[in-house]
N, C-alpha and C. Protein backbone atom coordinates (compact mmCIF):
# COMPACT_ATOMS: atom_id res chain seq x y z
N MET A 1 -6.23 3.20 10.13
CA MET A 1 -6.12 3.92 11.33
C MET A 1 -5.12 3.25 12.33
N PRO A 2 -4.15 3.84 12.78
CA PRO A 2 -3.44 3.10 13.97
C PRO A 2 -4.05 2.65 14.97
N GLU A 3 -3.59 1.46 15.55
CA GLU A 3 -4.24 1.21 16.93
C GLU A 3 -4.14 2.21 18.02
N ALA A 4 -5.12 2.05 18.71
CA ALA A 4 -5.22 3.27 20.16
C ALA A 4 -3.85 2.98 20.83
N SER A 5 -3.36 1.60 20.83
CA SER A 5 -2.23 1.36 21.85
C SER A 5 -0.93 1.92 21.15
N ALA A 6 -0.98 2.38 19.74
CA ALA A 6 0.30 2.63 19.04
C ALA A 6 0.71 4.05 19.59
N ARG A 7 2.03 4.07 20.10
CA ARG A 7 2.67 5.25 20.46
C ARG A 7 3.97 5.36 19.85
N ILE A 8 4.40 6.43 19.50
CA ILE A 8 5.51 6.71 18.77
C ILE A 8 6.58 7.67 19.47
N ASP A 9 7.80 7.39 19.65
CA ASP A 9 8.52 8.13 20.31
C ASP A 9 9.52 9.00 19.28
N ALA A 10 10.44 9.73 19.94
CA ALA A 10 11.35 10.73 19.04
C ALA A 10 12.17 9.78 17.99
N ILE A 11 12.61 8.52 18.35
CA ILE A 11 13.30 7.73 17.46
C ILE A 11 12.37 7.35 16.28
N ASP A 12 11.11 6.74 16.86
CA ASP A 12 10.20 6.36 15.79
C ASP A 12 9.97 7.49 14.69
N ARG A 13 9.86 8.75 15.14
CA ARG A 13 9.65 9.90 14.31
C ARG A 13 10.76 10.10 13.50
N ALA A 14 11.79 9.99 13.97
CA ALA A 14 13.19 10.18 13.13
C ALA A 14 13.19 9.20 11.90
N ILE A 15 12.96 7.99 12.44
CA ILE A 15 12.82 6.72 11.37
C ILE A 15 11.88 7.18 10.24
N ILE A 16 10.60 7.61 10.58
CA ILE A 16 9.70 7.73 9.70
C ILE A 16 10.18 8.96 8.76
N ASP A 17 10.53 10.08 9.49
CA ASP A 17 11.04 11.21 8.64
C ASP A 17 12.18 11.06 7.66
N SER A 18 13.18 10.11 8.26
CA SER A 18 14.42 10.05 7.38
C SER A 18 14.44 8.96 6.38
N LEU A 19 13.46 8.04 6.34
CA LEU A 19 13.33 6.98 5.49
C LEU A 19 12.51 7.05 4.20
N GLN A 20 11.97 8.36 4.06
CA GLN A 20 11.12 8.78 3.05
C GLN A 20 11.69 9.25 1.81
N GLY A 21 12.16 8.37 0.91
CA GLY A 21 12.70 8.65 -0.30
C GLY A 21 14.29 8.65 -0.35
N GLU A 22 14.99 8.31 0.79
CA GLU A 22 16.38 8.27 0.57
C GLU A 22 16.83 7.13 1.40
N PHE A 23 16.38 5.88 0.92
CA PHE A 23 16.90 4.66 1.61
C PHE A 23 17.94 4.30 1.13
N PRO A 24 19.03 3.94 1.69
CA PRO A 24 20.42 3.54 1.23
C PRO A 24 20.40 2.32 0.25
N VAL A 25 21.06 2.33 -0.65
CA VAL A 25 21.11 1.28 -1.60
C VAL A 25 22.66 0.84 -1.50
N CYS A 26 22.88 -0.33 -0.68
CA CYS A 26 24.08 -0.71 -0.55
C CYS A 26 23.86 -2.46 0.01
N GLU A 27 25.04 -2.92 0.49
CA GLU A 27 25.05 -4.25 0.96
C GLU A 27 24.12 -4.42 2.17
N ARG A 28 24.44 -3.53 3.07
CA ARG A 28 23.65 -3.65 4.24
C ARG A 28 22.95 -2.18 4.51
N PRO A 29 21.62 -2.01 4.06
CA PRO A 29 21.08 -0.77 3.89
C PRO A 29 20.39 -0.51 5.29
N TYR A 30 19.92 -1.34 5.96
CA TYR A 30 19.42 -1.04 7.29
C TYR A 30 20.52 -0.59 8.35
N ALA A 31 21.60 -1.42 8.04
CA ALA A 31 22.73 -1.02 9.23
C ALA A 31 23.17 0.38 8.88
N GLU A 32 23.14 0.89 7.43
CA GLU A 32 23.52 2.16 7.17
C GLU A 32 22.48 3.20 7.69
N ALA A 33 21.24 3.04 7.37
CA ALA A 33 20.19 3.77 7.83
C ALA A 33 20.24 3.80 9.30
N ALA A 34 20.35 2.74 10.16
CA ALA A 34 20.54 2.93 11.54
C ALA A 34 21.65 3.62 12.09
N GLU A 35 22.85 3.56 11.46
CA GLU A 35 23.92 4.35 11.80
C GLU A 35 23.53 6.00 11.66
N LYS A 36 22.93 6.43 10.62
CA LYS A 36 22.60 7.76 10.68
C LYS A 36 21.66 8.06 11.71
N LEU A 37 20.79 7.23 12.20
CA LEU A 37 19.82 7.61 13.08
C LEU A 37 20.40 7.34 14.69
N GLY A 38 21.55 6.90 14.67
CA GLY A 38 22.23 6.74 16.04
C GLY A 38 21.77 5.47 16.92
N ILE A 39 21.19 4.55 16.18
CA ILE A 39 20.70 3.30 16.69
C ILE A 39 21.32 2.12 16.00
N ASP A 40 21.19 0.80 16.47
CA ASP A 40 21.77 -0.23 15.69
C ASP A 40 20.80 -0.87 14.82
N GLU A 41 21.24 -1.70 13.86
CA GLU A 41 20.26 -2.27 12.74
C GLU A 41 19.27 -3.09 13.29
N GLN A 42 19.57 -3.86 14.54
CA GLN A 42 18.39 -4.47 15.10
C GLN A 42 17.42 -3.74 15.52
N GLU A 43 17.60 -2.76 16.25
CA GLU A 43 16.88 -1.72 16.81
C GLU A 43 15.92 -1.12 15.56
N LEU A 44 16.55 -0.77 14.55
CA LEU A 44 15.64 -0.18 13.39
C LEU A 44 14.75 -1.21 12.91
N LEU A 45 15.22 -2.44 12.68
CA LEU A 45 14.38 -3.41 12.19
C LEU A 45 13.11 -3.92 13.12
N SER A 46 13.45 -3.93 14.32
CA SER A 46 12.36 -4.13 15.34
C SER A 46 11.43 -2.89 15.59
N ARG A 47 11.83 -1.70 15.33
CA ARG A 47 10.95 -0.65 15.31
C ARG A 47 10.06 -0.58 14.08
N LEU A 48 10.82 -0.87 13.07
CA LEU A 48 9.93 -0.81 11.77
C LEU A 48 8.79 -1.87 12.01
N GLN A 49 9.32 -3.16 12.43
CA GLN A 49 8.29 -4.15 12.62
C GLN A 49 6.94 -3.75 13.38
N ARG A 50 7.41 -3.12 14.50
CA ARG A 50 6.37 -2.62 15.39
C ARG A 50 5.46 -1.50 14.73
N LEU A 51 6.22 -0.60 14.01
CA LEU A 51 5.35 0.42 13.45
C LEU A 51 4.38 -0.21 12.30
N LEU A 52 4.86 -1.33 11.71
CA LEU A 52 3.90 -1.93 10.84
C LEU A 52 2.82 -2.78 11.67
N ASP A 53 3.20 -3.38 12.68
CA ASP A 53 2.29 -4.32 13.33
C ASP A 53 1.27 -3.48 14.08
N THR A 54 1.38 -2.34 14.44
CA THR A 54 0.62 -1.39 15.12
C THR A 54 -0.25 -0.55 14.04
N ARG A 55 0.23 -0.58 12.84
CA ARG A 55 -0.42 0.09 11.80
C ARG A 55 -0.27 1.66 11.70
N VAL A 56 0.87 1.85 12.45
CA VAL A 56 1.52 3.33 12.33
C VAL A 56 1.79 3.56 10.92
N LEU A 57 2.56 2.43 10.36
CA LEU A 57 2.77 2.32 9.04
C LEU A 57 2.00 1.20 8.40
N THR A 58 1.57 1.43 7.11
CA THR A 58 0.73 0.30 6.62
C THR A 58 1.53 -0.41 5.58
N ARG A 59 2.55 0.35 5.29
CA ARG A 59 3.55 -0.35 4.01
C ARG A 59 4.88 0.20 4.50
N PHE A 60 6.07 -0.51 4.12
CA PHE A 60 7.32 -0.05 4.11
C PHE A 60 8.06 -0.97 2.82
N GLY A 61 8.33 -0.21 1.85
CA GLY A 61 9.07 -0.95 0.82
C GLY A 61 9.32 -0.11 -0.37
N PRO A 62 9.90 -0.42 -1.37
CA PRO A 62 10.17 0.33 -2.58
C PRO A 62 8.95 0.56 -3.46
N MET A 63 9.03 1.50 -4.32
CA MET A 63 8.03 1.92 -5.32
C MET A 63 8.63 1.52 -6.76
N PHE A 64 7.92 0.71 -7.32
CA PHE A 64 8.50 0.30 -8.71
C PHE A 64 7.64 0.88 -9.92
N GLN A 65 8.34 1.14 -10.91
CA GLN A 65 7.64 1.38 -12.23
C GLN A 65 7.45 0.04 -12.89
N ILE A 66 6.19 -0.72 -12.45
CA ILE A 66 6.06 -2.00 -12.90
C ILE A 66 6.10 -2.26 -14.32
N GLU A 67 5.69 -1.15 -15.25
CA GLU A 67 5.49 -1.42 -16.63
C GLU A 67 6.96 -1.33 -17.32
N ARG A 68 7.86 -0.75 -16.81
CA ARG A 68 9.30 -0.94 -17.09
C ARG A 68 9.77 -2.37 -17.00
N MET A 69 9.26 -3.07 -15.98
CA MET A 69 9.56 -4.32 -15.66
C MET A 69 8.87 -5.43 -16.50
N GLY A 70 7.88 -4.98 -17.46
CA GLY A 70 7.13 -5.89 -18.21
C GLY A 70 5.64 -6.21 -17.44
N GLY A 71 5.42 -5.54 -16.47
CA GLY A 71 4.21 -5.75 -15.73
C GLY A 71 3.17 -4.74 -15.95
N ALA A 72 2.08 -4.89 -15.32
CA ALA A 72 0.99 -3.69 -15.23
C ALA A 72 0.37 -3.51 -13.97
N PHE A 73 -0.24 -2.37 -13.96
CA PHE A 73 -1.10 -2.09 -12.76
C PHE A 73 -2.29 -1.33 -13.20
N VAL A 74 -3.34 -1.48 -12.36
CA VAL A 74 -4.44 -0.56 -12.68
C VAL A 74 -5.28 -0.31 -11.45
N LEU A 75 -5.97 0.79 -11.37
CA LEU A 75 -6.89 1.12 -10.19
C LEU A 75 -8.19 0.58 -10.61
N ALA A 76 -8.81 -0.09 -9.59
CA ALA A 76 -10.09 -0.87 -9.77
C ALA A 76 -11.03 -0.42 -8.64
N ALA A 77 -12.25 -0.49 -8.95
CA ALA A 77 -13.40 0.07 -8.03
C ALA A 77 -14.54 -0.81 -8.21
N MET A 78 -15.10 -1.07 -6.91
CA MET A 78 -16.55 -1.83 -7.05
C MET A 78 -17.52 -1.09 -6.16
N ARG A 79 -18.73 -1.61 -6.42
CA ARG A 79 -19.84 -1.09 -5.63
C ARG A 79 -20.26 -2.34 -4.59
N VAL A 80 -20.09 -2.18 -3.36
CA VAL A 80 -20.04 -3.25 -2.59
C VAL A 80 -21.21 -2.99 -1.57
N PRO A 81 -22.37 -3.69 -1.42
CA PRO A 81 -23.34 -3.49 -0.55
C PRO A 81 -22.86 -3.50 0.84
N GLU A 82 -23.27 -2.62 1.79
CA GLU A 82 -22.83 -2.46 3.18
C GLU A 82 -22.89 -3.88 3.71
N GLU A 83 -24.09 -4.62 3.62
CA GLU A 83 -24.12 -5.89 4.33
C GLU A 83 -23.19 -7.05 3.98
N ASP A 84 -22.62 -6.70 2.73
CA ASP A 84 -21.64 -7.82 2.34
C ASP A 84 -20.11 -7.22 2.33
N TRP A 85 -19.94 -6.12 2.82
CA TRP A 85 -18.59 -5.41 2.88
C TRP A 85 -17.50 -6.36 3.51
N GLU A 86 -17.63 -6.95 4.62
CA GLU A 86 -16.51 -7.65 5.13
C GLU A 86 -16.25 -8.96 4.29
N ARG A 87 -17.22 -9.56 3.72
CA ARG A 87 -16.98 -10.68 2.97
C ARG A 87 -16.29 -10.16 1.49
N VAL A 88 -16.60 -9.22 0.91
CA VAL A 88 -15.92 -8.74 -0.21
C VAL A 88 -14.46 -8.21 0.11
N VAL A 89 -14.39 -7.64 1.22
CA VAL A 89 -12.90 -7.10 1.49
C VAL A 89 -12.05 -8.37 1.60
N ALA A 90 -12.46 -9.30 2.31
CA ALA A 90 -11.57 -10.52 2.60
C ALA A 90 -11.25 -11.26 1.13
N THR A 91 -12.40 -11.31 0.46
CA THR A 91 -12.19 -11.91 -0.82
C THR A 91 -11.26 -11.19 -1.78
N VAL A 92 -11.38 -9.85 -2.01
CA VAL A 92 -10.32 -9.09 -2.62
C VAL A 92 -9.00 -9.06 -2.06
N ASN A 93 -8.97 -8.92 -0.84
CA ASN A 93 -7.47 -8.78 -0.33
C ASN A 93 -6.91 -10.20 -0.19
N ALA A 94 -7.62 -11.25 -0.56
CA ALA A 94 -6.95 -12.65 -0.62
C ALA A 94 -6.16 -12.74 -1.84
N PHE A 95 -6.26 -11.79 -2.88
CA PHE A 95 -5.71 -11.96 -4.10
C PHE A 95 -4.16 -11.34 -3.93
N PRO A 96 -3.20 -11.98 -4.25
CA PRO A 96 -1.86 -11.44 -4.08
C PRO A 96 -1.61 -10.20 -4.89
N GLU A 97 -2.38 -10.20 -5.99
CA GLU A 97 -2.16 -9.17 -6.85
C GLU A 97 -2.62 -7.61 -6.39
N VAL A 98 -3.44 -7.73 -5.45
CA VAL A 98 -4.17 -6.68 -4.82
C VAL A 98 -2.95 -5.80 -3.91
N ALA A 99 -2.56 -4.75 -4.42
CA ALA A 99 -1.43 -4.00 -3.66
C ALA A 99 -2.05 -3.21 -2.48
N HIS A 100 -3.18 -2.62 -2.44
CA HIS A 100 -3.85 -2.09 -1.37
C HIS A 100 -5.21 -1.76 -1.65
N ASN A 101 -5.98 -1.83 -0.86
CA ASN A 101 -7.49 -1.81 -0.88
C ASN A 101 -8.11 -0.68 0.32
N TYR A 102 -8.80 0.21 -0.16
CA TYR A 102 -9.38 1.03 0.66
C TYR A 102 -10.83 1.42 0.65
N ARG A 103 -11.59 1.88 1.43
CA ARG A 103 -12.85 2.14 1.45
C ARG A 103 -12.96 3.66 1.13
N ARG A 104 -14.02 4.20 0.44
CA ARG A 104 -14.14 5.53 0.12
C ARG A 104 -15.65 5.66 0.16
N GLU A 105 -16.15 6.78 0.87
CA GLU A 105 -17.45 7.01 0.94
C GLU A 105 -17.97 7.49 -0.26
N SER A 106 -19.15 7.17 -0.87
CA SER A 106 -19.91 7.61 -2.01
C SER A 106 -19.91 9.09 -2.09
N GLU A 107 -19.51 9.49 -3.28
CA GLU A 107 -19.53 11.02 -3.50
C GLU A 107 -20.59 11.22 -4.73
N ARG A 108 -20.72 12.69 -4.78
CA ARG A 108 -21.61 13.10 -5.84
C ARG A 108 -21.15 12.37 -7.26
N ASN A 109 -22.05 11.78 -7.93
CA ASN A 109 -22.00 11.13 -9.23
C ASN A 109 -20.97 9.73 -9.04
N CYS A 110 -20.78 9.27 -8.08
CA CYS A 110 -19.86 8.36 -7.84
C CYS A 110 -20.25 7.35 -6.72
N ASP A 111 -20.85 6.07 -6.84
CA ASP A 111 -21.16 5.41 -5.87
C ASP A 111 -20.13 4.08 -5.71
N PHE A 112 -19.03 4.19 -6.28
CA PHE A 112 -18.04 3.21 -5.92
C PHE A 112 -17.44 3.48 -4.58
N ASN A 113 -17.47 2.38 -3.72
CA ASN A 113 -17.08 2.46 -2.42
C ASN A 113 -15.86 1.61 -1.87
N MET A 114 -15.41 0.72 -2.92
CA MET A 114 -14.23 0.06 -2.74
C MET A 114 -13.23 0.26 -3.87
N TRP A 115 -12.08 0.87 -3.32
CA TRP A 115 -10.98 0.95 -4.48
C TRP A 115 -9.71 0.19 -4.17
N PHE A 116 -9.07 -0.37 -5.19
CA PHE A 116 -7.89 -1.09 -4.98
C PHE A 116 -7.22 -0.92 -6.19
N VAL A 117 -5.72 -1.31 -5.70
CA VAL A 117 -5.04 -1.35 -6.95
C VAL A 117 -4.50 -2.77 -7.24
N LEU A 118 -4.59 -3.15 -8.41
CA LEU A 118 -4.12 -4.52 -8.84
C LEU A 118 -2.66 -4.33 -9.67
N ALA A 119 -1.80 -5.21 -9.40
CA ALA A 119 -0.32 -5.26 -10.00
C ALA A 119 -0.11 -6.54 -10.45
N THR A 120 0.30 -6.86 -11.68
CA THR A 120 0.51 -8.21 -12.26
C THR A 120 1.85 -8.19 -12.96
N GLU A 121 2.27 -9.22 -13.12
CA GLU A 121 3.90 -9.53 -13.62
C GLU A 121 3.82 -9.31 -15.11
N THR A 122 2.81 -9.39 -15.68
CA THR A 122 2.51 -9.27 -17.19
C THR A 122 1.47 -8.27 -17.50
N ALA A 123 1.53 -7.57 -18.52
CA ALA A 123 0.57 -6.75 -18.95
C ALA A 123 -0.85 -7.38 -19.17
N GLY A 124 -0.82 -8.69 -19.71
CA GLY A 124 -2.09 -9.40 -19.90
C GLY A 124 -2.68 -9.92 -18.55
N GLY A 125 -1.99 -9.72 -17.63
CA GLY A 125 -2.46 -10.40 -16.39
C GLY A 125 -3.58 -9.67 -15.68
N ILE A 126 -3.68 -8.58 -15.90
CA ILE A 126 -4.84 -7.65 -15.28
C ILE A 126 -6.33 -8.33 -15.48
N ALA A 127 -6.64 -8.40 -16.95
CA ALA A 127 -7.95 -8.78 -17.10
C ALA A 127 -8.41 -10.29 -16.61
N ALA A 128 -7.34 -11.09 -16.48
CA ALA A 128 -7.53 -12.36 -15.85
C ALA A 128 -7.85 -12.16 -14.45
N VAL A 129 -6.93 -11.36 -13.75
CA VAL A 129 -7.35 -11.17 -12.27
C VAL A 129 -8.57 -10.41 -11.82
N LEU A 130 -9.04 -9.62 -12.76
CA LEU A 130 -10.31 -8.98 -12.62
C LEU A 130 -11.27 -9.94 -12.81
N GLU A 131 -11.18 -10.83 -13.88
CA GLU A 131 -12.24 -11.84 -13.92
C GLU A 131 -12.30 -12.87 -12.72
N ARG A 132 -11.14 -12.97 -12.14
CA ARG A 132 -11.17 -13.96 -10.93
C ARG A 132 -11.88 -13.30 -9.79
N ILE A 133 -11.53 -12.08 -9.49
CA ILE A 133 -11.98 -11.29 -8.55
C ILE A 133 -13.71 -11.13 -8.57
N GLU A 134 -14.09 -10.94 -9.86
CA GLU A 134 -15.59 -10.96 -10.11
C GLU A 134 -16.30 -12.16 -9.81
N ALA A 135 -15.65 -13.32 -10.34
CA ALA A 135 -16.26 -14.62 -10.17
C ALA A 135 -16.26 -14.95 -8.53
N ALA A 136 -15.10 -14.61 -7.81
CA ALA A 136 -15.03 -14.83 -6.32
C ALA A 136 -16.03 -14.08 -5.53
N SER A 137 -16.07 -12.77 -5.97
CA SER A 137 -16.92 -11.82 -5.22
C SER A 137 -18.47 -11.73 -5.56
N GLY A 138 -18.77 -12.02 -7.06
CA GLY A 138 -20.15 -12.22 -7.42
C GLY A 138 -20.50 -10.60 -7.79
N LEU A 139 -19.52 -9.74 -7.84
CA LEU A 139 -19.73 -8.38 -7.98
C LEU A 139 -18.89 -8.03 -9.32
N PRO A 140 -19.38 -6.95 -10.17
CA PRO A 140 -18.49 -6.51 -11.16
C PRO A 140 -17.37 -5.51 -10.65
N VAL A 141 -16.27 -5.70 -11.30
CA VAL A 141 -14.96 -4.80 -10.96
C VAL A 141 -14.82 -3.85 -12.12
N TYR A 142 -14.61 -2.66 -11.84
CA TYR A 142 -14.34 -1.73 -13.02
C TYR A 142 -12.92 -1.15 -12.96
N ALA A 143 -12.23 -1.35 -14.05
CA ALA A 143 -10.94 -0.94 -14.00
C ALA A 143 -10.65 0.46 -14.62
N PHE A 144 -9.90 1.22 -14.03
CA PHE A 144 -9.36 2.55 -14.45
C PHE A 144 -8.03 2.66 -14.70
N PRO A 145 -7.58 2.23 -16.02
CA PRO A 145 -6.18 2.24 -16.38
C PRO A 145 -5.73 3.67 -16.33
N LYS A 146 -4.35 3.75 -16.18
CA LYS A 146 -3.67 5.10 -16.15
C LYS A 146 -3.57 5.58 -17.65
N ILE A 147 -3.87 6.90 -17.73
CA ILE A 147 -3.96 7.53 -19.27
C ILE A 147 -2.58 8.29 -19.10
N LYS A 148 -2.21 9.01 -18.14
CA LYS A 148 -0.97 9.84 -18.04
C LYS A 148 -0.31 9.61 -16.68
N GLU A 149 0.86 9.72 -16.53
CA GLU A 149 1.52 9.21 -15.32
C GLU A 149 2.13 10.72 -14.81
N TYR A 150 2.04 10.96 -13.52
CA TYR A 150 2.52 12.22 -12.86
C TYR A 150 3.22 11.77 -11.92
N PHE A 151 4.43 12.57 -11.35
CA PHE A 151 5.15 12.26 -10.26
C PHE A 151 5.00 13.05 -9.26
N VAL A 152 4.33 12.80 -8.15
CA VAL A 152 4.21 13.80 -7.12
C VAL A 152 4.85 13.19 -5.83
N GLU A 153 5.93 13.83 -5.59
CA GLU A 153 6.82 13.42 -4.23
C GLU A 153 6.07 14.09 -3.01
N MET A 154 5.76 13.22 -2.13
CA MET A 154 5.15 13.76 -0.88
C MET A 154 5.82 13.09 0.29
N LYS A 155 6.57 13.90 0.99
CA LYS A 155 7.16 13.56 2.24
C LYS A 155 6.34 14.04 3.35
N LEU A 156 6.04 13.22 4.27
CA LEU A 156 5.09 13.73 5.55
C LEU A 156 6.14 13.59 6.67
N GLN A 157 6.12 14.73 7.42
CA GLN A 157 6.76 14.80 8.74
C GLN A 157 5.89 14.53 9.85
N THR A 158 6.50 13.71 10.67
CA THR A 158 5.75 13.57 12.05
C THR A 158 5.66 14.73 13.01
N ARG A 159 4.74 14.79 13.67
CA ARG A 159 4.50 15.86 14.65
C ARG A 159 4.92 15.31 15.97
N GLY A 160 5.62 16.11 16.73
CA GLY A 160 6.38 15.74 17.96
C GLY A 160 5.39 15.97 19.19
């Protein structure tokens, strides 16, 4: 959730709308992107940092197909008791292999309430990280490896 103090203006909206899926690949990509937006490179960088700091954006960066680079990733889930939630969140998030972590309310036939993605540099690294998270948290971690890959491109447009 963005912080209550987070406000975005027309330029912020244009940045968010224009940088989804078409980021320039060149020597100075931020300068090129900024020029298309009618601002300078430093303003673009400052605005992106503010959007991240205020959690309007939670991530800004490339998406890689890690398996093509020799790595691996997996969706993982845990059943975390409510009274232990904060400790386990901090424990899991301390692992650099955790790409993102989110809470999900229990649904019918599923009482997993913490879901996160692990990404490792090697295919064999997943099992080791799962073991380390289990040891650190004291709770079992369940891995849900990808069976089939789908590409769903979703571009969100900000509202003015």
